Amino acid sequence: MATETEKKRSELKTLLDGLVEKYKNTLKENPEYRKELEGLKRKVLIDAGEEKYHFTLDNGELKDYAEGDLEGADITVSAPPEVFIALFKGELSPMKAMAKKMIHIKASLSDLLRFRKFFG
């Protein structure tokens, strides 16, 4: 029988997998947004404590999505798994999570604005 931690891990990974696919589709279907990202390469780390996932946004494409830590990330988003789950399910807005200091984002302001659609 799965423990509560294993259930959260499975749910977080499932939700993040879906979000990654949705974002890839947004990039494919929205040439204007893809154009905003042309020439940019950013390494992104999603840090949920024991669970970590990373990917690279490279010239308008999401690449190398995998489980695990990432050294030298340009953008790091940190929160407990339950906060990520609530965000990904739309039960919590990113702005509210940031205002309540439930989520921490280490990135430049320009990167925050460029990648806003990831949580949207």
PDB file of N, CA and C in Angstrom:
ATOM      1  N   MET A   1       0.848  -1.182   0.000  1.00  0.00           N
ATOM      2  CA  MET A   1       0.000   0.000   0.000  1.00  0.00           C
ATOM      3  C   MET A   1       0.890   1.240   0.000  1.00  0.00           C
ATOM      4  N   ALA A   2       0.577   2.226  -0.838  1.00  0.00           N
ATOM      5  CA  ALA A   2       1.392   3.424  -0.991  1.00  0.00           C
ATOM      6  C   ALA A   2       1.248   4.343   0.219  1.00  0.00           C
ATOM      7  N   THR A   3       2.378   4.909   0.643  1.00  0.00           N
ATOM      8  CA  THR A   3       2.353   5.865   1.738  1.00  0.00           C
ATOM      9  C   THR A   3       1.825   7.207   1.223  1.00  0.00           C
ATOM     10  N   GLU A   4       1.497   8.109   2.142  1.00  0.00           N
ATOM     11  CA  GLU A   4       1.005   9.444   1.762  1.00  0.00           C
ATOM     12  C   GLU A   4       2.056  10.188   0.937  1.00  0.00           C
ATOM     13  N   THR A   5       3.318  10.055   1.318  1.00  0.00           N
ATOM     14  CA  THR A   5       4.401  10.708   0.571  1.00  0.00           C
ATOM     15  C   THR A   5       4.481  10.166  -0.852  1.00  0.00           C
ATOM     16  N   GLU A   6       4.364   8.855  -1.011  1.00  0.00           N
ATOM     17  CA  GLU A   6       4.405   8.256  -2.353  1.00  0.00           C
ATOM     18  C   GLU A   6       3.223   8.705  -3.194  1.00  0.00           C
ATOM     19  N   LYS A   7       2.045   8.840  -2.576  1.00  0.00           N
ATOM     20  CA  LYS A   7       0.864   9.316  -3.300  1.00  0.00           C
ATOM     21  C   LYS A   7       1.070  10.748  -3.775  1.00  0.00           C
ATOM     22  N   LYS A   8       1.608  11.603  -2.896  1.00  0.00           N
ATOM     23  CA  LYS A   8       1.873  12.998  -3.284  1.00  0.00           C
ATOM     24  C   LYS A   8       2.904  13.046  -4.407  1.00  0.00           C
ATOM     25  N   ARG A   9       3.937  12.201  -4.286  1.00  0.00           N
ATOM     26  CA  ARG A   9       4.977  12.166  -5.315  1.00  0.00           C
ATOM     27  C   ARG A   9       4.378  11.769  -6.655  1.00  0.00           C
ATOM     28  N   SER A  10       3.562  10.739  -6.654  1.00  0.00           N
ATOM     29  CA  SER A  10       2.930  10.281  -7.878  1.00  0.00           C
ATOM     30  C   SER A  10       2.014  11.368  -8.453  1.00  0.00           C
ATOM     31  N   GLU A  11       1.234  12.012  -7.584  1.00  0.00           N
ATOM     32  CA  GLU A  11       0.323  13.058  -8.052  1.00  0.00           C
ATOM     33  C   GLU A  11       1.093  14.251  -8.598  1.00  0.00           C
ATOM     34  N   LEU A  12       2.145  14.674  -7.895  1.00  0.00           N
ATOM     35  CA  LEU A  12       2.941  15.804  -8.362  1.00  0.00           C
ATOM     36  C   LEU A  12       3.567  15.488  -9.717  1.00  0.00           C
ATOM     37  N   LYS A  13       4.161  14.319  -9.864  1.00  0.00           N
ATOM     38  CA  LYS A  13       4.798  13.958 -11.141  1.00  0.00           C
ATOM     39  C   LYS A  13       3.771  13.901 -12.261  1.00  0.00           C
ATOM     40  N   THR A  14       2.612  13.320 -12.000  1.00  0.00           N
ATOM     41  CA  THR A  14       1.556  13.238 -13.008  1.00  0.00           C
ATOM     42  C   THR A  14       1.109  14.635 -13.432  1.00  0.00           C
ATOM     43  N   LEU A  15       0.890  15.519 -12.453  1.00  0.00           N
ATOM     44  CA  LEU A  15       0.453  16.889 -12.770  1.00  0.00           C
ATOM     45  C   LEU A  15       1.542  17.654 -13.517  1.00  0.00           C
ATOM     46  N   LEU A  16       2.787  17.506 -13.082  1.00  0.00           N
ATOM     47  CA  LEU A  16       3.890  18.205 -13.751  1.00  0.00           C
ATOM     48  C   LEU A  16       4.084  17.683 -15.169  1.00  0.00           C
ATOM     49  N   ASP A  17       3.972  16.371 -15.366  1.00  0.00           N
ATOM     50  CA  ASP A  17       4.062  15.805 -16.717  1.00  0.00           C
ATOM     51  C   ASP A  17       3.017  16.448 -17.632  1.00  0.00           C
ATOM     52  N   GLY A  18       1.793  16.575 -17.121  1.00  0.00           N
ATOM     53  CA  GLY A  18       0.718  17.191 -17.903  1.00  0.00           C
ATOM     54  C   GLY A  18       0.987  18.653 -18.189  1.00  0.00           C
ATOM     55  N   LEU A  19       1.532  19.357 -17.206  1.00  0.00           N
ATOM     56  CA  LEU A  19       1.838  20.772 -17.387  1.00  0.00           C
ATOM     57  C   LEU A  19       2.947  20.971 -18.419  1.00  0.00           C
ATOM     58  N   VAL A  20       3.945  20.104 -18.391  1.00  0.00           N
ATOM     59  CA  VAL A  20       5.038  20.170 -19.370  1.00  0.00           C
ATOM     60  C   VAL A  20       4.474  19.970 -20.780  1.00  0.00           C
ATOM     61  N   GLU A  21       3.603  18.987 -20.955  1.00  0.00           N
ATOM     62  CA  GLU A  21       2.995  18.747 -22.271  1.00  0.00           C
ATOM     63  C   GLU A  21       2.148  19.938 -22.712  1.00  0.00           C
ATOM     64  N   LYS A  22       1.389  20.506 -21.782  1.00  0.00           N
ATOM     65  CA  LYS A  22       0.560  21.674 -22.089  1.00  0.00           C
ATOM     66  C   LYS A  22       1.446  22.850 -22.531  1.00  0.00           C
ATOM     67  N   TYR A  23       2.563  23.053 -21.828  1.00  0.00           N
ATOM     68  CA  TYR A  23       3.468  24.144 -22.163  1.00  0.00           C
ATOM     69  C   TYR A  23       4.118  23.909 -23.531  1.00  0.00           C
ATOM     70  N   LYS A  24       4.499  22.659 -23.797  1.00  0.00           N
ATOM     71  CA  LYS A  24       5.063  22.335 -25.115  1.00  0.00           C
ATOM     72  C   LYS A  24       4.048  22.663 -26.214  1.00  0.00           C
ATOM     73  N   ASN A  25       2.784  22.332 -25.984  1.00  0.00           N
ATOM     74  CA  ASN A  25       1.730  22.643 -26.963  1.00  0.00           C
ATOM     75  C   ASN A  25       1.551  24.143 -27.120  1.00  0.00           C
ATOM     76  N   THR A  26       1.617  24.878 -26.008  1.00  0.00           N
ATOM     77  CA  THR A  26       1.516  26.341 -26.071  1.00  0.00           C
ATOM     78  C   THR A  26       2.628  26.894 -26.948  1.00  0.00           C
ATOM     79  N   LEU A  27       3.839  26.366 -26.770  1.00  0.00           N
ATOM     80  CA  LEU A  27       4.969  26.822 -27.580  1.00  0.00           C
ATOM     81  C   LEU A  27       4.762  26.500 -29.059  1.00  0.00           C
ATOM     82  N   LYS A  28       4.216  25.308 -29.351  1.00  0.00           N
ATOM     83  CA  LYS A  28       3.975  24.916 -30.742  1.00  0.00           C
ATOM     84  C   LYS A  28       2.879  25.759 -31.387  1.00  0.00           C
ATOM     85  N   GLU A  29       1.813  26.008 -30.631  1.00  0.00           N
ATOM     86  CA  GLU A  29       0.619  26.643 -31.184  1.00  0.00           C
ATOM     87  C   GLU A  29       0.639  28.164 -31.135  1.00  0.00           C
ATOM     88  N   ASN A  30       1.577  28.749 -30.413  1.00  0.00           N
ATOM     89  CA  ASN A  30       1.597  30.193 -30.258  1.00  0.00           C
ATOM     90  C   ASN A  30       2.924  30.750 -30.775  1.00  0.00           C
ATOM     91  N   PRO A  31       2.976  31.055 -32.070  1.00  0.00           N
ATOM     92  CA  PRO A  31       4.238  31.534 -32.642  1.00  0.00           C
ATOM     93  C   PRO A  31       4.723  32.849 -32.027  1.00  0.00           C
ATOM     94  N   GLU A  32       3.791  33.697 -31.579  1.00  0.00           N
ATOM     95  CA  GLU A  32       4.202  34.965 -30.957  1.00  0.00           C
ATOM     96  C   GLU A  32       4.941  34.717 -29.649  1.00  0.00           C
ATOM     97  N   TYR A  33       4.420  33.812 -28.842  1.00  0.00           N
ATOM     98  CA  TYR A  33       5.082  33.484 -27.576  1.00  0.00           C
ATOM     99  C   TYR A  33       6.428  32.807 -27.837  1.00  0.00           C
ATOM    100  N   ARG A  34       6.448  31.885 -28.798  1.00  0.00           N
ATOM    101  CA  ARG A  34       7.698  31.206 -29.155  1.00  0.00           C
ATOM    102  C   ARG A  34       8.737  32.235 -29.612  1.00  0.00           C
ATOM    103  N   LYS A  35       8.274  33.242 -30.343  1.00  0.00           N
ATOM    104  CA  LYS A  35       9.193  34.279 -30.828  1.00  0.00           C
ATOM    105  C   LYS A  35       9.791  35.078 -29.666  1.00  0.00           C
ATOM    106  N   GLU A  36       8.987  35.291 -28.598  1.00  0.00           N
ATOM    107  CA  GLU A  36       9.489  35.975 -27.396  1.00  0.00           C
ATOM    108  C   GLU A  36      10.682  35.235 -26.800  1.00  0.00           C
ATOM    109  N   LEU A  37      10.708  33.922 -26.984  1.00  0.00           N
ATOM    110  CA  LEU A  37      11.738  33.088 -26.365  1.00  0.00           C
ATOM    111  C   LEU A  37      12.902  32.773 -27.297  1.00  0.00           C
ATOM    112  N   GLU A  38      12.831  33.241 -28.533  1.00  0.00           N
ATOM    113  CA  GLU A  38      13.914  32.969 -29.489  1.00  0.00           C
ATOM    114  C   GLU A  38      15.244  33.475 -28.957  1.00  0.00           C
ATOM    115  N   GLY A  39      16.253  32.645 -29.098  1.00  0.00           N
ATOM    116  CA  GLY A  39      17.598  33.024 -28.696  1.00  0.00           C
ATOM    117  C   GLY A  39      17.872  32.869 -27.204  1.00  0.00           C
ATOM    118  N   LEU A  40      16.861  32.501 -26.424  1.00  0.00           N
ATOM    119  CA  LEU A  40      17.045  32.339 -24.985  1.00  0.00           C
ATOM    120  C   LEU A  40      17.288  30.879 -24.620  1.00  0.00           C
ATOM    121  N   LYS A  41      18.123  30.674 -23.645  1.00  0.00           N
ATOM    122  CA  LYS A  41      18.327  29.334 -23.102  1.00  0.00           C
ATOM    123  C   LYS A  41      18.355  29.473 -21.582  1.00  0.00           C
ATOM    124  N   ARG A  42      17.416  28.798 -20.940  1.00  0.00           N
ATOM    125  CA  ARG A  42      17.320  28.858 -19.485  1.00  0.00           C
ATOM    126  C   ARG A  42      17.146  27.455 -18.928  1.00  0.00           C
ATOM    127  N   LYS A  43      17.907  27.154 -17.884  1.00  0.00           N
ATOM    128  CA  LYS A  43      17.752  25.891 -17.164  1.00  0.00           C
ATOM    129  C   LYS A  43      16.815  26.143 -15.991  1.00  0.00           C
ATOM    130  N   VAL A  44      15.796  25.287 -15.857  1.00  0.00           N
ATOM    131  CA  VAL A  44      14.756  25.475 -14.847  1.00  0.00           C
ATOM    132  C   VAL A  44      14.730  24.278 -13.903  1.00  0.00           C
ATOM    133  N   LEU A  45      14.681  24.583 -12.586  1.00  0.00           N
ATOM    134  CA  LEU A  45      14.588  23.550 -11.563  1.00  0.00           C
ATOM    135  C   LEU A  45      13.297  23.739 -10.781  1.00  0.00           C
ATOM    136  N   ILE A  46      12.508  22.685 -10.689  1.00  0.00           N
ATOM    137  CA  ILE A  46      11.310  22.640  -9.847  1.00  0.00           C
ATOM    138  C   ILE A  46      11.714  21.836  -8.609  1.00  0.00           C
ATOM    139  N   ASP A  47      11.790  22.518  -7.455  1.00  0.00           N
ATOM    140  CA  ASP A  47      12.284  21.900  -6.227  1.00  0.00           C
ATOM    141  C   ASP A  47      11.134  21.728  -5.235  1.00  0.00           C
ATOM    142  N   ALA A  48      10.701  20.489  -5.058  1.00  0.00           N
ATOM    143  CA  ALA A  48       9.622  20.172  -4.115  1.00  0.00           C
ATOM    144  C   ALA A  48      10.186  19.393  -2.931  1.00  0.00           C
ATOM    145  N   GLY A  49      11.360  19.782  -2.477  1.00  0.00           N
ATOM    146  CA  GLY A  49      11.989  19.100  -1.346  1.00  0.00           C
ATOM    147  C   GLY A  49      12.669  17.830  -1.799  1.00  0.00           C
ATOM    148  N   GLU A  50      12.112  16.676  -1.415  1.00  0.00           N
ATOM    149  CA  GLU A  50      12.707  15.399  -1.805  1.00  0.00           C
ATOM    150  C   GLU A  50      12.562  15.140  -3.297  1.00  0.00           C
ATOM    151  N   GLU A  51      11.563  15.759  -3.910  1.00  0.00           N
ATOM    152  CA  GLU A  51      11.337  15.612  -5.356  1.00  0.00           C
ATOM    153  C   GLU A  51      11.879  16.835  -6.079  1.00  0.00           C
ATOM    154  N   LYS A  52      12.628  16.581  -7.124  1.00  0.00           N
ATOM    155  CA  LYS A  52      13.144  17.671  -7.948  1.00  0.00           C
ATOM    156  C   LYS A  52      12.995  17.264  -9.410  1.00  0.00           C
ATOM    157  N   TYR A  53      12.641  18.237 -10.231  1.00  0.00           N
ATOM    158  CA  TYR A  53      12.500  18.028 -11.671  1.00  0.00           C
ATOM    159  C   TYR A  53      13.174  19.204 -12.362  1.00  0.00           C
ATOM    160  N   HIS A  54      13.669  18.968 -13.559  1.00  0.00           N
ATOM    161  CA  HIS A  54      14.307  20.063 -14.286  1.00  0.00           C
ATOM    162  C   HIS A  54      14.058  19.909 -15.788  1.00  0.00           C
ATOM    163  N   PHE A  55      14.244  21.025 -16.465  1.00  0.00           N
ATOM    164  CA  PHE A  55      14.156  21.052 -17.917  1.00  0.00           C
ATOM    165  C   PHE A  55      14.886  22.281 -18.406  1.00  0.00           C
ATOM    166  N   THR A  56      15.068  22.331 -19.707  1.00  0.00           N
ATOM    167  CA  THR A  56      15.722  23.475 -20.343  1.00  0.00           C
ATOM    168  C   THR A  56      14.748  24.098 -21.332  1.00  0.00           C
ATOM    169  N   LEU A  57      14.644  25.407 -21.276  1.00  0.00           N
ATOM    170  CA  LEU A  57      13.917  26.152 -22.297  1.00  0.00           C
ATOM    171  C   LEU A  57      14.991  26.687 -23.230  1.00  0.00           C
ATOM    172  N   ASP A  58      14.974  26.205 -24.453  1.00  0.00           N
ATOM    173  CA  ASP A  58      16.053  26.504 -25.392  1.00  0.00           C
ATOM    174  C   ASP A  58      15.474  26.972 -26.714  1.00  0.00           C
ATOM    175  N   ASN A  59      15.631  28.259 -26.992  1.00  0.00           N
ATOM    176  CA  ASN A  59      15.228  28.835 -28.270  1.00  0.00           C
ATOM    177  C   ASN A  59      13.765  28.509 -28.613  1.00  0.00           C
ATOM    178  N   GLY A  60      12.893  28.675 -27.617  1.00  0.00           N
ATOM    179  CA  GLY A  60      11.470  28.453 -27.863  1.00  0.00           C
ATOM    180  C   GLY A  60      11.014  27.012 -27.763  1.00  0.00           C
ATOM    181  N   GLU A  61      11.861  26.122 -27.232  1.00  0.00           N
ATOM    182  CA  GLU A  61      11.482  24.715 -27.058  1.00  0.00           C
ATOM    183  C   GLU A  61      11.777  24.269 -25.630  1.00  0.00           C
ATOM    184  N   LEU A  62      10.923  23.402 -25.094  1.00  0.00           N
ATOM    185  CA  LEU A  62      11.158  22.801 -23.789  1.00  0.00           C
ATOM    186  C   LEU A  62      11.849  21.465 -24.029  1.00  0.00           C
ATOM    187  N   LYS A  63      13.049  21.311 -23.460  1.00  0.00           N
ATOM    188  CA  LYS A  63      13.866  20.122 -23.706  1.00  0.00           C
ATOM    189  C   LYS A  63      14.359  19.514 -22.394  1.00  0.00           C
ATOM    190  N   ASP A  64      14.797  18.282 -22.474  1.00  0.00           N
ATOM    191  CA  ASP A  64      15.516  17.607 -21.392  1.00  0.00           C
ATOM    192  C   ASP A  64      14.748  17.556 -20.074  1.00  0.00           C
ATOM    193  N   TYR A  65      13.425  17.396 -20.130  1.00  0.00           N
ATOM    194  CA  TYR A  65      12.621  17.274 -18.909  1.00  0.00           C
ATOM    195  C   TYR A  65      12.962  15.961 -18.230  1.00  0.00           C
ATOM    196  N   ALA A  66      13.341  16.042 -16.951  1.00  0.00           N
ATOM    197  CA  ALA A  66      13.732  14.831 -16.226  1.00  0.00           C
ATOM    198  C   ALA A  66      13.586  15.041 -14.729  1.00  0.00           C
ATOM    199  N   GLU A  67      13.577  13.936 -14.017  1.00  0.00           N
ATOM    200  CA  GLU A  67      13.547  13.969 -12.562  1.00  0.00           C
ATOM    201  C   GLU A  67      14.978  14.132 -12.075  1.00  0.00           C
ATOM    202  N   GLY A  68      15.161  14.901 -11.003  1.00  0.00           N
ATOM    203  CA  GLY A  68      16.480  15.050 -10.408  1.00  0.00           C
ATOM    204  C   GLY A  68      16.882  16.501 -10.247  1.00  0.00           C
ATOM    205  N   ASP A  69      17.946  16.698  -9.517  1.00  0.00           N
ATOM    206  CA  ASP A  69      18.473  18.031  -9.228  1.00  0.00           C
ATOM    207  C   ASP A  69      19.198  18.580 -10.453  1.00  0.00           C
ATOM    208  N   LEU A  70      19.480  19.860 -10.433  1.00  0.00           N
ATOM    209  CA  LEU A  70      20.150  20.510 -11.553  1.00  0.00           C
ATOM    210  C   LEU A  70      21.072  21.589 -11.018  1.00  0.00           C
ATOM    211  N   GLU A  71      22.349  21.449 -11.264  1.00  0.00           N
ATOM    212  CA  GLU A  71      23.320  22.468 -10.869  1.00  0.00           C
ATOM    213  C   GLU A  71      23.250  23.649 -11.834  1.00  0.00           C
ATOM    214  N   GLY A  72      23.383  24.838 -11.315  1.00  0.00           N
ATOM    215  CA  GLY A  72      23.452  26.025 -12.162  1.00  0.00           C
ATOM    216  C   GLY A  72      22.153  26.416 -12.835  1.00  0.00           C
ATOM    217  N   ALA A  73      21.028  26.145 -12.190  1.00  0.00           N
ATOM    218  CA  ALA A  73      19.729  26.523 -12.775  1.00  0.00           C
ATOM    219  C   ALA A  73      19.619  28.043 -12.858  1.00  0.00           C
ATOM    220  N   ASP A  74      19.062  28.528 -13.955  1.00  0.00           N
ATOM    221  CA  ASP A  74      18.803  29.960 -14.121  1.00  0.00           C
ATOM    222  C   ASP A  74      17.531  30.374 -13.384  1.00  0.00           C
ATOM    223  N   ILE A  75      16.588  29.438 -13.312  1.00  0.00           N
ATOM    224  CA  ILE A  75      15.309  29.670 -12.650  1.00  0.00           C
ATOM    225  C   ILE A  75      15.065  28.507 -11.703  1.00  0.00           C
ATOM    226  N   THR A  76      14.808  28.819 -10.433  1.00  0.00           N
ATOM    227  CA  THR A  76      14.481  27.789  -9.456  1.00  0.00           C
ATOM    228  C   THR A  76      13.152  28.144  -8.806  1.00  0.00           C
ATOM    229  N   VAL A  77      12.230  27.193  -8.815  1.00  0.00           N
ATOM    230  CA  VAL A  77      10.926  27.371  -8.181  1.00  0.00           C
ATOM    231  C   VAL A  77      10.859  26.331  -7.071  1.00  0.00           C
ATOM    232  N   SER A  78      10.729  26.808  -5.821  1.00  0.00           N
ATOM    233  CA  SER A  78      10.740  25.920  -4.662  1.00  0.00           C
ATOM    234  C   SER A  78       9.452  26.050  -3.874  1.00  0.00           C
ATOM    235  N   ALA A  79       8.907  24.903  -3.465  1.00  0.00           N
ATOM    236  CA  ALA A  79       7.702  24.860  -2.633  1.00  0.00           C
ATOM    237  C   ALA A  79       7.504  23.428  -2.162  1.00  0.00           C
ATOM    238  N   PRO A  80       6.729  23.250  -1.093  1.00  0.00           N
ATOM    239  CA  PRO A  80       6.377  21.890  -0.697  1.00  0.00           C
ATOM    240  C   PRO A  80       5.508  21.233  -1.777  1.00  0.00           C
ATOM    241  N   PRO A  81       5.523  19.912  -1.868  1.00  0.00           N
ATOM    242  CA  PRO A  81       4.733  19.224  -2.901  1.00  0.00           C
ATOM    243  C   PRO A  81       3.259  19.622  -2.912  1.00  0.00           C
ATOM    244  N   GLU A  82       2.652  19.779  -1.733  1.00  0.00           N
ATOM    245  CA  GLU A  82       1.226  20.109  -1.692  1.00  0.00           C
ATOM    246  C   GLU A  82       0.932  21.487  -2.287  1.00  0.00           C
ATOM    247  N   VAL A  83       1.888  22.407  -2.218  1.00  0.00           N
ATOM    248  CA  VAL A  83       1.699  23.728  -2.836  1.00  0.00           C
ATOM    249  C   VAL A  83       1.749  23.594  -4.353  1.00  0.00           C
ATOM    250  N   PHE A  84       2.732  22.854  -4.858  1.00  0.00           N
ATOM    251  CA  PHE A  84       2.789  22.627  -6.308  1.00  0.00           C
ATOM    252  C   PHE A  84       1.512  21.939  -6.795  1.00  0.00           C
ATOM    253  N   ILE A  85       1.044  20.945  -6.054  1.00  0.00           N
ATOM    254  CA  ILE A  85      -0.171  20.228  -6.458  1.00  0.00           C
ATOM    255  C   ILE A  85      -1.349  21.192  -6.531  1.00  0.00           C
ATOM    256  N   ALA A  86      -1.506  22.051  -5.512  1.00  0.00           N
ATOM    257  CA  ALA A  86      -2.603  23.029  -5.511  1.00  0.00           C
ATOM    258  C   ALA A  86      -2.462  24.014  -6.675  1.00  0.00           C
ATOM    259  N   LEU A  87      -1.233  24.440  -6.973  1.00  0.00           N
ATOM    260  CA  LEU A  87      -1.000  25.345  -8.104  1.00  0.00           C
ATOM    261  C   LEU A  87      -1.376  24.668  -9.421  1.00  0.00           C
ATOM    262  N   PHE A  88      -0.886  23.458  -9.612  1.00  0.00           N
ATOM    263  CA  PHE A  88      -1.103  22.757 -10.871  1.00  0.00           C
ATOM    264  C   PHE A  88      -2.562  22.375 -11.089  1.00  0.00           C
ATOM    265  N   LYS A  89      -3.307  22.188 -10.004  1.00  0.00           N
ATOM    266  CA  LYS A  89      -4.729  21.873 -10.105  1.00  0.00           C
ATOM    267  C   LYS A  89      -5.587  23.136 -10.236  1.00  0.00           C
ATOM    268  N   GLY A  90      -4.970  24.311 -10.095  1.00  0.00           N
ATOM    269  CA  GLY A  90      -5.717  25.561 -10.185  1.00  0.00           C
ATOM    270  C   GLY A  90      -6.445  25.915  -8.895  1.00  0.00           C
ATOM    271  N   GLU A  91      -6.106  25.243  -7.810  1.00  0.00           N
ATOM    272  CA  GLU A  91      -6.728  25.516  -6.518  1.00  0.00           C
ATOM    273  C   GLU A  91      -6.051  26.679  -5.797  1.00  0.00           C
ATOM    274  N   LEU A  92      -4.895  27.081  -6.272  1.00  0.00           N
ATOM    275  CA  LEU A  92      -4.105  28.159  -5.687  1.00  0.00           C
ATOM    276  C   LEU A  92      -3.489  28.957  -6.824  1.00  0.00           C
ATOM    277  N   SER A  93      -3.586  30.271  -6.753  1.00  0.00           N
ATOM    278  CA  SER A  93      -2.991  31.097  -7.806  1.00  0.00           C
ATOM    279  C   SER A  93      -1.510  31.336  -7.495  1.00  0.00           C
ATOM    280  N   PRO A  94      -0.688  31.462  -8.530  1.00  0.00           N
ATOM    281  CA  PRO A  94       0.732  31.748  -8.300  1.00  0.00           C
ATOM    282  C   PRO A  94       0.944  33.038  -7.507  1.00  0.00           C
ATOM    283  N   MET A  95       0.145  34.060  -7.786  1.00  0.00           N
ATOM    284  CA  MET A  95       0.296  35.329  -7.072  1.00  0.00           C
ATOM    285  C   MET A  95       0.002  35.172  -5.581  1.00  0.00           C
ATOM    286  N   LYS A  96      -1.054  34.440  -5.253  1.00  0.00           N
ATOM    287  CA  LYS A  96      -1.405  34.210  -3.849  1.00  0.00           C
ATOM    288  C   LYS A  96      -0.311  33.391  -3.162  1.00  0.00           C
ATOM    289  N   ALA A  97       0.202  32.377  -3.846  1.00  0.00           N
ATOM    290  CA  ALA A  97       1.269  31.550  -3.283  1.00  0.00           C
ATOM    291  C   ALA A  97       2.518  32.387  -3.011  1.00  0.00           C
ATOM    292  N   MET A  98       2.834  33.298  -3.914  1.00  0.00           N
ATOM    293  CA  MET A  98       4.002  34.157  -3.716  1.00  0.00           C
ATOM    294  C   MET A  98       3.748  35.152  -2.590  1.00  0.00           C
ATOM    295  N   ALA A  99       2.557  35.757  -2.562  1.00  0.00           N
ATOM    296  CA  ALA A  99       2.233  36.738  -1.532  1.00  0.00           C
ATOM    297  C   ALA A  99       2.267  36.120  -0.133  1.00  0.00           C
ATOM    298  N   LYS A 100       1.841  34.873  -0.025  1.00  0.00           N
ATOM    299  CA  LYS A 100       1.829  34.178   1.266  1.00  0.00           C
ATOM    300  C   LYS A 100       3.154  33.457   1.545  1.00  0.00           C
ATOM    301  N   LYS A 101       4.115  33.664   0.667  1.00  0.00           N
ATOM    302  CA  LYS A 101       5.443  33.059   0.787  1.00  0.00           C
ATOM    303  C   LYS A 101       5.390  31.534   0.888  1.00  0.00           C
ATOM    304  N   MET A 102       4.441  30.948   0.132  1.00  0.00           N
ATOM    305  CA  MET A 102       4.305  29.500   0.071  1.00  0.00           C
ATOM    306  C   MET A 102       5.207  28.927  -1.009  1.00  0.00           C
ATOM    307  N   ILE A 103       5.625  29.790  -1.934  1.00  0.00           N
ATOM    308  CA  ILE A 103       6.469  29.390  -3.055  1.00  0.00           C
ATOM    309  C   ILE A 103       7.584  30.427  -3.184  1.00  0.00           C
ATOM    310  N   HIS A 104       8.746  29.956  -3.549  1.00  0.00           N
ATOM    311  CA  HIS A 104       9.892  30.851  -3.709  1.00  0.00           C
ATOM    312  C   HIS A 104      10.434  30.685  -5.118  1.00  0.00           C
ATOM    313  N   ILE A 105      10.642  31.804  -5.779  1.00  0.00           N
ATOM    314  CA  ILE A 105      11.143  31.772  -7.151  1.00  0.00           C
ATOM    315  C   ILE A 105      12.429  32.585  -7.215  1.00  0.00           C
ATOM    316  N   LYS A 106      13.463  31.924  -7.695  1.00  0.00           N
ATOM    317  CA  LYS A 106      14.745  32.583  -7.898  1.00  0.00           C
ATOM    318  C   LYS A 106      14.928  32.731  -9.404  1.00  0.00           C
ATOM    319  N   ALA A 107      14.752  33.956  -9.886  1.00  0.00           N
ATOM    320  CA  ALA A 107      14.861  34.239 -11.324  1.00  0.00           C
ATOM    321  C   ALA A 107      14.929  35.740 -11.508  1.00  0.00           C
ATOM    322  N   SER A 108      15.382  36.145 -12.658  1.00  0.00           N
ATOM    323  CA  SER A 108      15.360  37.570 -12.974  1.00  0.00           C
ATOM    324  C   SER A 108      13.918  37.990 -13.269  1.00  0.00           C
ATOM    325  N   LEU A 109      13.626  39.250 -13.124  1.00  0.00           N
ATOM    326  CA  LEU A 109      12.284  39.753 -13.402  1.00  0.00           C
ATOM    327  C   LEU A 109      11.900  39.486 -14.854  1.00  0.00           C
ATOM    328  N   SER A 110      12.836  39.667 -15.766  1.00  0.00           N
ATOM    329  CA  SER A 110      12.525  39.417 -17.181  1.00  0.00           C
ATOM    330  C   SER A 110      12.176  37.948 -17.417  1.00  0.00           C
ATOM    331  N   ASP A 111      12.861  37.026 -16.720  1.00  0.00           N
ATOM    332  CA  ASP A 111      12.529  35.606 -16.858  1.00  0.00           C
ATOM    333  C   ASP A 111      11.159  35.309 -16.268  1.00  0.00           C
ATOM    334  N   LEU A 112      10.844  35.913 -15.136  1.00  0.00           N
ATOM    335  CA  LEU A 112       9.514  35.718 -14.541  1.00  0.00           C
ATOM    336  C   LEU A 112       8.418  36.119 -15.522  1.00  0.00           C
ATOM    337  N   LEU A 113       8.598  37.236 -16.172  1.00  0.00           N
ATOM    338  CA  LEU A 113       7.593  37.718 -17.121  1.00  0.00           C
ATOM    339  C   LEU A 113       7.523  36.838 -18.364  1.00  0.00           C
ATOM    340  N   ARG A 114       8.661  36.387 -18.858  1.00  0.00           N
ATOM    341  CA  ARG A 114       8.679  35.543 -20.062  1.00  0.00           C
ATOM    342  C   ARG A 114       7.990  34.188 -19.856  1.00  0.00           C
ATOM    343  N   PHE A 115       8.222  33.593 -18.696  1.00  0.00           N
ATOM    344  CA  PHE A 115       7.761  32.229 -18.481  1.00  0.00           C
ATOM    345  C   PHE A 115       6.478  32.153 -17.661  1.00  0.00           C
ATOM    346  N   ARG A 116       5.754  33.240 -17.579  1.00  0.00           N
ATOM    347  CA  ARG A 116       4.509  33.301 -16.807  1.00  0.00           C
ATOM    348  C   ARG A 116       3.498  32.275 -17.280  1.00  0.00           C
ATOM    349  N   LYS A 117       3.554  31.910 -18.551  1.00  0.00           N
ATOM    350  CA  LYS A 117       2.560  30.988 -19.113  1.00  0.00           C
ATOM    351  C   LYS A 117       2.756  29.550 -18.640  1.00  0.00           C
ATOM    352  N   PHE A 118       3.905  29.272 -18.020  1.00  0.00           N
ATOM    353  CA  PHE A 118       4.099  27.903 -17.551  1.00  0.00           C
ATOM    354  C   PHE A 118       3.073  27.524 -16.497  1.00  0.00           C
ATOM    355  N   PHE A 119       2.740  28.456 -15.613  1.00  0.00           N
ATOM    356  CA  PHE A 119       1.770  28.168 -14.563  1.00  0.00           C
ATOM    357  C   PHE A 119       0.355  28.544 -14.978  1.00  0.00           C
ATOM    358  N   GLY A 120       0.209  29.131 -16.161  1.00  0.00           N
ATOM    359  CA  GLY A 120      -1.097  29.604 -16.590  1.00  0.00           C
ATOM    360  C   GLY A 120      -1.934  28.572 -17.270  1.00  0.00           C
TER     361      GLY A 120
END
